[in-house]
């Protein structure tokens, strides 16, 4: 688990019974937020406890990603970019698309008999971290990513760094439908 100390800004990896320093938490500039790490939110039919907040820069702007956990213990990633909200869960490695970069807008990808159209291909850098995460994130780490959509409300995303990859699937939500149940 990855956590950041709210007092000193140090990011720590908790591995079993020991702790390793992972780096600094970065600078999280003030910006309007729908919710924060520590809040409980209702998103669609799910209630999620928001554990962590990561900010990514893609050059001309940034977006916020939140690590949340449902009441059943399932981890979700909620991305908020210019008011758009999408919730995604990680796809198990044996079920991911077999496609690898480079990708081009308009290209199609297949997952579980659904065809997704590539809408965005970018590179991003993690610029700030707050709270807890279920995977190792590092300020300064860069990722290549691809977003592909289908049916107007479903999203398929792939992230690539070094020889690693992670795929996520999810759905778009109306930002006005996000309900903060408990604020910190």
C-alpha atoms as a PDB file:
ATOM      1  CA  UNK A   1       0.000   0.000   0.000  1.00  0.00           C
ATOM      2  CA  UNK A   2       1.159   3.519  -0.759  1.00  0.00           C
ATOM      3  CA  UNK A   3       0.468   6.314   1.758  1.00  0.00           C
ATOM      4  CA  UNK A   4       1.541   9.935   2.080  1.00  0.00           C
ATOM      5  CA  UNK A   5       2.207  11.618   5.400  1.00  0.00           C
ATOM      6  CA  UNK A   6      -0.048  14.689   5.637  1.00  0.00           C
ATOM      7  CA  UNK A   7       2.433  16.434   7.960  1.00  0.00           C
ATOM      8  CA  UNK A   8       5.776  16.087   6.190  1.00  0.00           C
ATOM      9  CA  UNK A   9       4.798  15.145   2.623  1.00  0.00           C
ATOM     10  CA  UNK A  10       6.814  11.928   2.504  1.00  0.00           C
ATOM     11  CA  UNK A  11       5.351   9.107   0.431  1.00  0.00           C
ATOM     12  CA  UNK A  12       5.759   5.645   1.976  1.00  0.00           C
ATOM     13  CA  UNK A  13       5.292   2.066   0.770  1.00  0.00           C
ATOM     14  CA  UNK A  14       3.869  -0.206   3.462  1.00  0.00           C
ATOM     15  CA  UNK A  15       5.100  -3.713   2.668  1.00  0.00           C
ATOM     16  CA  UNK A  16       4.126  -6.307   5.238  1.00  0.00           C
ATOM     17  CA  UNK A  17       5.746  -5.321   8.510  1.00  0.00           C
ATOM     18  CA  UNK A  18       8.167  -2.713   7.138  1.00  0.00           C
ATOM     19  CA  UNK A  19       8.069   0.744   5.570  1.00  0.00           C
ATOM     20  CA  UNK A  20      10.121   2.128   2.645  1.00  0.00           C
ATOM     21  CA  UNK A  21      10.374   5.756   1.615  1.00  0.00           C
ATOM     22  CA  UNK A  22       8.924   6.205  -1.863  1.00  0.00           C
ATOM     23  CA  UNK A  23       9.592   9.903  -2.390  1.00  0.00           C
ATOM     24  CA  UNK A  24       7.806  13.204  -2.072  1.00  0.00           C
ATOM     25  CA  UNK A  25       4.079  13.682  -2.500  1.00  0.00           C
ATOM     26  CA  UNK A  26       4.467  16.483  -5.056  1.00  0.00           C
ATOM     27  CA  UNK A  27       2.693  19.818  -5.167  1.00  0.00           C
ATOM     28  CA  UNK A  28      -1.099  19.595  -5.314  1.00  0.00           C
ATOM     29  CA  UNK A  29      -2.149  23.095  -6.368  1.00  0.00           C
ATOM     30  CA  UNK A  30      -5.586  24.236  -5.255  1.00  0.00           C
ATOM     31  CA  UNK A  31      -8.311  23.507  -7.772  1.00  0.00           C
ATOM     32  CA  UNK A  32     -12.063  22.949  -7.473  1.00  0.00           C
ATOM     33  CA  UNK A  33     -12.729  19.314  -6.489  1.00  0.00           C
ATOM     34  CA  UNK A  34     -15.935  17.258  -6.484  1.00  0.00           C
ATOM     35  CA  UNK A  35     -14.630  15.292  -3.476  1.00  0.00           C
ATOM     36  CA  UNK A  36     -11.416  14.597  -1.563  1.00  0.00           C
ATOM     37  CA  UNK A  37      -9.453  11.692  -0.110  1.00  0.00           C
ATOM     38  CA  UNK A  38     -11.306  10.618   3.026  1.00  0.00           C
ATOM     39  CA  UNK A  39     -14.772  11.373   1.631  1.00  0.00           C
ATOM     40  CA  UNK A  40     -17.473   8.770   1.042  1.00  0.00           C
ATOM     41  CA  UNK A  41     -19.317   9.183  -2.242  1.00  0.00           C
ATOM     42  CA  UNK A  42     -22.240   7.643  -4.045  1.00  0.00           C
ATOM     43  CA  UNK A  43     -21.508   6.997  -7.706  1.00  0.00           C
ATOM     44  CA  UNK A  44     -24.305   5.319  -9.603  1.00  0.00           C
ATOM     45  CA  UNK A  45     -25.422   2.428  -7.399  1.00  0.00           C
ATOM     46  CA  UNK A  46     -22.094   2.203  -5.543  1.00  0.00           C
ATOM     47  CA  UNK A  47     -20.883   3.773  -2.349  1.00  0.00           C
ATOM     48  CA  UNK A  48     -17.117   4.328  -2.363  1.00  0.00           C
ATOM     49  CA  UNK A  49     -14.676   5.400   0.331  1.00  0.00           C
ATOM     50  CA  UNK A  50     -12.056   7.629  -1.327  1.00  0.00           C
ATOM     51  CA  UNK A  51      -8.615   6.583  -0.056  1.00  0.00           C
ATOM     52  CA  UNK A  52      -6.167   8.436  -2.297  1.00  0.00           C
ATOM     53  CA  UNK A  53      -5.864  11.325  -4.738  1.00  0.00           C
ATOM     54  CA  UNK A  54      -3.291  11.455  -7.556  1.00  0.00           C
ATOM     55  CA  UNK A  55      -2.848  14.306 -10.023  1.00  0.00           C
ATOM     56  CA  UNK A  56      -1.501  13.759 -13.540  1.00  0.00           C
ATOM     57  CA  UNK A  57      -0.256  16.363 -16.015  1.00  0.00           C
ATOM     58  CA  UNK A  58      -0.528  15.859 -19.752  1.00  0.00           C
ATOM     59  CA  UNK A  59       1.258  19.060 -20.740  1.00  0.00           C
ATOM     60  CA  UNK A  60      -1.585  21.425 -21.502  1.00  0.00           C
ATOM     61  CA  UNK A  61      -3.551  20.528 -18.369  1.00  0.00           C
ATOM     62  CA  UNK A  62      -4.102  18.000 -15.605  1.00  0.00           C
ATOM     63  CA  UNK A  63      -6.674  15.572 -14.304  1.00  0.00           C
ATOM     64  CA  UNK A  64      -7.326  14.022 -10.905  1.00  0.00           C
ATOM     65  CA  UNK A  65      -7.560  10.311 -10.153  1.00  0.00           C
ATOM     66  CA  UNK A  66      -8.959   8.895  -6.947  1.00  0.00           C
ATOM     67  CA  UNK A  67      -8.447   5.430  -5.525  1.00  0.00           C
ATOM     68  CA  UNK A  68     -11.663   4.265  -3.902  1.00  0.00           C
ATOM     69  CA  UNK A  69     -12.938   1.088  -2.342  1.00  0.00           C
ATOM     70  CA  UNK A  70     -16.522  -0.175  -2.383  1.00  0.00           C
ATOM     71  CA  UNK A  71     -18.384  -1.637   0.577  1.00  0.00           C
ATOM     72  CA  UNK A  72     -17.550  -5.087  -0.842  1.00  0.00           C
ATOM     73  CA  UNK A  73     -13.806  -4.294  -0.928  1.00  0.00           C
ATOM     74  CA  UNK A  74     -13.456  -3.795  -4.693  1.00  0.00           C
ATOM     75  CA  UNK A  75     -10.959  -1.086  -5.714  1.00  0.00           C
ATOM     76  CA  UNK A  76     -12.072   1.501  -8.263  1.00  0.00           C
ATOM     77  CA  UNK A  77     -10.282   4.391  -9.913  1.00  0.00           C
ATOM     78  CA  UNK A  78     -12.353   7.527 -10.399  1.00  0.00           C
ATOM     79  CA  UNK A  79     -10.970  10.038 -12.903  1.00  0.00           C
ATOM     80  CA  UNK A  80     -12.179  13.635 -12.974  1.00  0.00           C
ATOM     81  CA  UNK A  81     -11.065  15.715 -15.962  1.00  0.00           C
ATOM     82  CA  UNK A  82     -12.678  19.063 -16.778  1.00  0.00           C
ATOM     83  CA  UNK A  83     -15.844  17.954 -14.970  1.00  0.00           C
ATOM     84  CA  UNK A  84     -16.085  14.567 -16.715  1.00  0.00           C
ATOM     85  CA  UNK A  85     -16.238  11.633 -14.279  1.00  0.00           C
ATOM     86  CA  UNK A  86     -15.410   8.019 -15.071  1.00  0.00           C
ATOM     87  CA  UNK A  87     -15.149   5.068 -12.687  1.00  0.00           C
ATOM     88  CA  UNK A  88     -12.974   2.123 -13.742  1.00  0.00           C
ATOM     89  CA  UNK A  89     -11.757  -1.185 -12.370  1.00  0.00           C
ATOM     90  CA  UNK A  90      -8.631  -3.061 -13.372  1.00  0.00           C
ATOM     91  CA  UNK A  91      -8.997  -5.842 -15.910  1.00  0.00           C
ATOM     92  CA  UNK A  92      -7.243  -9.097 -14.914  1.00  0.00           C
ATOM     93  CA  UNK A  93      -4.094  -9.687 -17.016  1.00  0.00           C
ATOM     94  CA  UNK A  94      -5.497 -12.813 -18.686  1.00  0.00           C
ATOM     95  CA  UNK A  95      -8.524 -10.849 -19.989  1.00  0.00           C
ATOM     96  CA  UNK A  96      -6.819  -7.685 -21.308  1.00  0.00           C
ATOM     97  CA  UNK A  97      -6.764  -6.670 -24.966  1.00  0.00           C
ATOM     98  CA  UNK A  98      -3.692  -8.009 -26.745  1.00  0.00           C
ATOM     99  CA  UNK A  99      -3.011  -4.650 -28.393  1.00  0.00           C
ATOM    100  CA  UNK A 100       0.185  -2.707 -27.613  1.00  0.00           C
ATOM    101  CA  UNK A 101       1.255   0.861 -28.437  1.00  0.00           C
ATOM    102  CA  UNK A 102       1.511   2.792 -30.604  1.00  0.00           C
ATOM    103  CA  UNK A 103      -2.213   3.535 -30.941  1.00  0.00           C
ATOM    104  CA  UNK A 104      -3.951   5.993 -33.268  1.00  0.00           C
ATOM    105  CA  UNK A 105      -7.243   7.855 -32.783  1.00  0.00           C
ATOM    106  CA  UNK A 106      -9.983   6.082 -34.707  1.00  0.00           C
ATOM    107  CA  UNK A 107      -8.332   2.661 -34.332  1.00  0.00           C
ATOM    108  CA  UNK A 108     -10.534  -0.048 -32.790  1.00  0.00           C
ATOM    109  CA  UNK A 109      -9.815  -2.342 -29.828  1.00  0.00           C
ATOM    110  CA  UNK A 110     -11.811  -5.402 -28.764  1.00  0.00           C
ATOM    111  CA  UNK A 111     -12.690  -6.495 -25.225  1.00  0.00           C
ATOM    112  CA  UNK A 112     -15.282  -9.149 -24.341  1.00  0.00           C
ATOM    113  CA  UNK A 113     -17.002  -9.005 -27.737  1.00  0.00           C
ATOM    114  CA  UNK A 114     -17.270  -5.195 -27.578  1.00  0.00           C
ATOM    115  CA  UNK A 115     -15.519  -2.893 -30.028  1.00  0.00           C
ATOM    116  CA  UNK A 116     -14.035   0.307 -28.628  1.00  0.00           C
ATOM    117  CA  UNK A 117     -12.827   3.251 -30.717  1.00  0.00           C
ATOM    118  CA  UNK A 118      -9.603   4.986 -29.667  1.00  0.00           C
ATOM    119  CA  UNK A 119     -10.401   8.596 -28.751  1.00  0.00           C
ATOM    120  CA  UNK A 120      -7.216   9.724 -26.986  1.00  0.00           C
ATOM    121  CA  UNK A 121      -3.526   8.789 -27.030  1.00  0.00           C
ATOM    122  CA  UNK A 122      -1.279  10.791 -24.705  1.00  0.00           C
ATOM    123  CA  UNK A 123       1.578  10.741 -22.247  1.00  0.00           C
ATOM    124  CA  UNK A 124       1.104  11.833 -18.629  1.00  0.00           C
ATOM    125  CA  UNK A 125       3.267  12.472 -15.584  1.00  0.00           C
ATOM    126  CA  UNK A 126       2.263  11.912 -11.966  1.00  0.00           C
ATOM    127  CA  UNK A 127       2.770  15.316 -10.315  1.00  0.00           C
ATOM    128  CA  UNK A 128       1.205  14.891  -6.847  1.00  0.00           C
ATOM    129  CA  UNK A 129      -0.107  12.251  -4.437  1.00  0.00           C
ATOM    130  CA  UNK A 130      -2.297  12.389  -1.330  1.00  0.00           C
ATOM    131  CA  UNK A 131      -3.649   9.528   0.777  1.00  0.00           C
ATOM    132  CA  UNK A 132      -3.479   5.774   0.152  1.00  0.00           C
ATOM    133  CA  UNK A 133      -3.294   3.653  -2.983  1.00  0.00           C
ATOM    134  CA  UNK A 134      -3.364  -0.071  -3.638  1.00  0.00           C
ATOM    135  CA  UNK A 135      -0.466   0.120  -6.095  1.00  0.00           C
ATOM    136  CA  UNK A 136       2.918   1.830  -6.245  1.00  0.00           C
ATOM    137  CA  UNK A 137       2.715   5.316  -7.731  1.00  0.00           C
ATOM    138  CA  UNK A 138       5.622   7.745  -7.926  1.00  0.00           C
ATOM    139  CA  UNK A 139       5.706  11.481  -8.434  1.00  0.00           C
ATOM    140  CA  UNK A 140       7.649  12.104 -11.655  1.00  0.00           C
ATOM    141  CA  UNK A 141       6.802   8.732 -13.211  1.00  0.00           C
ATOM    142  CA  UNK A 142       5.484   9.003 -16.774  1.00  0.00           C
ATOM    143  CA  UNK A 143       2.953   6.800 -18.526  1.00  0.00           C
ATOM    144  CA  UNK A 144       1.692   6.434 -22.051  1.00  0.00           C
ATOM    145  CA  UNK A 145      -2.043   5.896 -22.135  1.00  0.00           C
ATOM    146  CA  UNK A 146      -4.880   5.170 -24.516  1.00  0.00           C
ATOM    147  CA  UNK A 147      -8.604   5.796 -24.001  1.00  0.00           C
ATOM    148  CA  UNK A 148     -11.241   4.117 -26.151  1.00  0.00           C
ATOM    149  CA  UNK A 149     -15.023   4.435 -25.954  1.00  0.00           C
ATOM    150  CA  UNK A 150     -18.095   2.490 -26.962  1.00  0.00           C
ATOM    151  CA  UNK A 151     -21.849   2.944 -26.526  1.00  0.00           C
ATOM    152  CA  UNK A 152     -21.283   6.542 -25.415  1.00  0.00           C
ATOM    153  CA  UNK A 153     -20.901   5.590 -21.751  1.00  0.00           C
ATOM    154  CA  UNK A 154     -18.283   2.804 -21.513  1.00  0.00           C
ATOM    155  CA  UNK A 155     -14.524   3.416 -21.469  1.00  0.00           C
ATOM    156  CA  UNK A 156     -11.496   1.173 -21.983  1.00  0.00           C
ATOM    157  CA  UNK A 157      -8.118   2.570 -20.873  1.00  0.00           C
ATOM    158  CA  UNK A 158      -4.606   1.216 -21.140  1.00  0.00           C
ATOM    159  CA  UNK A 159      -1.517   2.517 -19.315  1.00  0.00           C
ATOM    160  CA  UNK A 160       2.024   1.672 -20.381  1.00  0.00           C
ATOM    161  CA  UNK A 161       5.350   2.335 -18.625  1.00  0.00           C
ATOM    162  CA  UNK A 162       8.565   0.516 -19.421  1.00  0.00           C
ATOM    163  CA  UNK A 163       7.614  -3.078 -20.164  1.00  0.00           C
ATOM    164  CA  UNK A 164       4.558  -2.874 -17.891  1.00  0.00           C
ATOM    165  CA  UNK A 165       0.928  -2.346 -18.758  1.00  0.00           C
ATOM    166  CA  UNK A 166      -2.424  -2.092 -16.978  1.00  0.00           C
ATOM    167  CA  UNK A 167      -5.896  -2.066 -18.535  1.00  0.00           C
ATOM    168  CA  UNK A 168      -9.099  -0.703 -16.993  1.00  0.00           C
ATOM    169  CA  UNK A 169     -12.746  -0.704 -17.993  1.00  0.00           C
ATOM    170  CA  UNK A 170     -15.528   1.426 -16.688  1.00  0.00           C
ATOM    171  CA  UNK A 171     -18.296   3.855 -17.357  1.00  0.00           C
ATOM    172  CA  UNK A 172     -18.889   7.583 -17.498  1.00  0.00           C
ATOM    173  CA  UNK A 173     -21.062   9.194 -14.810  1.00  0.00           C
ATOM    174  CA  UNK A 174     -22.943  12.471 -14.750  1.00  0.00           C
ATOM    175  CA  UNK A 175     -20.889  14.739 -12.444  1.00  0.00           C
ATOM    176  CA  UNK A 176     -24.161  16.180 -11.096  1.00  0.00           C
ATOM    177  CA  UNK A 177     -25.086  12.646  -9.984  1.00  0.00           C
ATOM    178  CA  UNK A 178     -22.009  12.287  -7.756  1.00  0.00           C
ATOM    179  CA  UNK A 179     -23.209  12.568  -4.185  1.00  0.00           C
ATOM    180  CA  UNK A 180     -20.753  13.248  -1.353  1.00  0.00           C
ATOM    181  CA  UNK A 181     -22.115  11.337   1.640  1.00  0.00           C
ATOM    182  CA  UNK A 182     -19.413  12.172   4.162  1.00  0.00           C
ATOM    183  CA  UNK A 183     -16.837  14.926   3.801  1.00  0.00           C
ATOM    184  CA  UNK A 184     -13.549  15.076   5.668  1.00  0.00           C
END
